[in-house]
Amino acid sequence: MVSPFCKLAEFMETIFENIENERLTIEEWNLLCITYKNVIRACNASWYIISSSQAKGRES
């Protein structure tokens, strides 16, 4: 299952590929910030789960 944040990140990527020396609109900037925050949060959560699993494995 693809998370909605991955889809949003792909959408934002296409926006940036099509921009040529233009400034982002406020809406585009907000989408970028939200996407970045959520992708980073998901990565951190995944890292935490993996780290916890490895730590439990070492204790056993």
C-alpha atoms as a PDB file:
ATOM      1  CA  MET A   1       0.000   0.000   0.000  1.00  0.00           C
ATOM      2  CA  VAL A   2       1.355   3.399  -0.958  1.00  0.00           C
ATOM      3  CA  SER A   3       0.901   6.068   1.678  1.00  0.00           C
ATOM      4  CA  PRO A   4      -0.819   9.311   0.722  1.00  0.00           C
ATOM      5  CA  PHE A   5       2.383  11.112   1.664  1.00  0.00           C
ATOM      6  CA  CYS A   6       4.321   9.196  -0.985  1.00  0.00           C
ATOM      7  CA  LYS A   7       1.756  10.213  -3.583  1.00  0.00           C
ATOM      8  CA  LEU A   8       1.952  13.818  -2.411  1.00  0.00           C
ATOM      9  CA  ALA A   9       5.754  13.694  -2.542  1.00  0.00           C
ATOM     10  CA  GLU A  10       5.621  12.392  -6.129  1.00  0.00           C
ATOM     11  CA  PHE A  11       3.176  15.168  -7.038  1.00  0.00           C
ATOM     12  CA  MET A  12       5.456  17.812  -5.527  1.00  0.00           C
ATOM     13  CA  GLU A  13       8.396  16.333  -7.443  1.00  0.00           C
ATOM     14  CA  THR A  14       6.558  16.844 -10.734  1.00  0.00           C
ATOM     15  CA  ILE A  15       5.818  20.443  -9.787  1.00  0.00           C
ATOM     16  CA  PHE A  16       9.505  21.136  -9.167  1.00  0.00           C
ATOM     17  CA  GLU A  17      10.564  19.442 -12.382  1.00  0.00           C
ATOM     18  CA  ASN A  18       8.310  21.818 -14.325  1.00  0.00           C
ATOM     19  CA  ILE A  19       9.346  25.039 -12.577  1.00  0.00           C
ATOM     20  CA  GLU A  20      11.973  27.132 -14.332  1.00  0.00           C
ATOM     21  CA  ASN A  21      13.357  29.911 -12.136  1.00  0.00           C
ATOM     22  CA  GLU A  22       9.902  30.678 -10.779  1.00  0.00           C
ATOM     23  CA  ARG A  23       8.973  31.241  -7.179  1.00  0.00           C
ATOM     24  CA  LEU A  24       6.634  28.853  -5.445  1.00  0.00           C
ATOM     25  CA  THR A  25       3.143  30.017  -4.637  1.00  0.00           C
ATOM     26  CA  ILE A  26       2.130  30.026  -0.993  1.00  0.00           C
ATOM     27  CA  GLU A  27       0.014  26.925  -1.592  1.00  0.00           C
ATOM     28  CA  GLU A  28       2.921  25.079  -3.260  1.00  0.00           C
ATOM     29  CA  TRP A  29       5.277  26.108  -0.452  1.00  0.00           C
ATOM     30  CA  ASN A  30       2.814  24.864   2.175  1.00  0.00           C
ATOM     31  CA  LEU A  31       2.402  21.549   0.335  1.00  0.00           C
ATOM     32  CA  LEU A  32       6.172  21.176   0.169  1.00  0.00           C
ATOM     33  CA  CYS A  33       6.557  21.817   3.889  1.00  0.00           C
ATOM     34  CA  ILE A  34       3.767  19.424   4.840  1.00  0.00           C
ATOM     35  CA  THR A  35       5.091  16.731   2.518  1.00  0.00           C
ATOM     36  CA  TYR A  36       8.636  17.086   3.824  1.00  0.00           C
ATOM     37  CA  LYS A  37       7.484  16.987   7.445  1.00  0.00           C
ATOM     38  CA  ASN A  38       5.327  13.896   6.927  1.00  0.00           C
ATOM     39  CA  VAL A  39       7.909  11.982   4.892  1.00  0.00           C
ATOM     40  CA  ILE A  40      10.583  12.699   7.509  1.00  0.00           C
ATOM     41  CA  ARG A  41       8.188  11.687  10.296  1.00  0.00           C
ATOM     42  CA  ALA A  42       7.436   8.390   8.535  1.00  0.00           C
ATOM     43  CA  CYS A  43      11.158   7.706   8.053  1.00  0.00           C
ATOM     44  CA  ASN A  44      11.853   8.449  11.713  1.00  0.00           C
ATOM     45  CA  ALA A  45       9.040   6.142  12.818  1.00  0.00           C
ATOM     46  CA  SER A  46      10.409   3.350  10.612  1.00  0.00           C
ATOM     47  CA  TRP A  47      13.911   3.876  11.970  1.00  0.00           C
ATOM     48  CA  TYR A  48      12.585   3.760  15.532  1.00  0.00           C
ATOM     49  CA  ILE A  49      10.736   0.478  14.901  1.00  0.00           C
ATOM     50  CA  ILE A  50      13.813  -1.118  13.324  1.00  0.00           C
ATOM     51  CA  SER A  51      16.066   0.106  16.140  1.00  0.00           C
ATOM     52  CA  SER A  52      13.672  -1.212  18.786  1.00  0.00           C
ATOM     53  CA  SER A  53      13.487  -4.609  17.082  1.00  0.00           C
ATOM     54  CA  GLN A  54      17.263  -4.840  16.895  1.00  0.00           C
ATOM     55  CA  ALA A  55      17.623  -3.861  20.551  1.00  0.00           C
ATOM     56  CA  LYS A  56      15.103  -6.516  21.613  1.00  0.00           C
ATOM     57  CA  GLY A  57      16.956  -9.081  19.507  1.00  0.00           C
ATOM     58  CA  ARG A  58      20.215  -8.297  21.286  1.00  0.00           C
ATOM     59  CA  GLU A  59      18.587  -8.705  24.695  1.00  0.00           C
ATOM     60  CA  SER A  60      17.314 -12.196  23.870  1.00  0.00           C
END
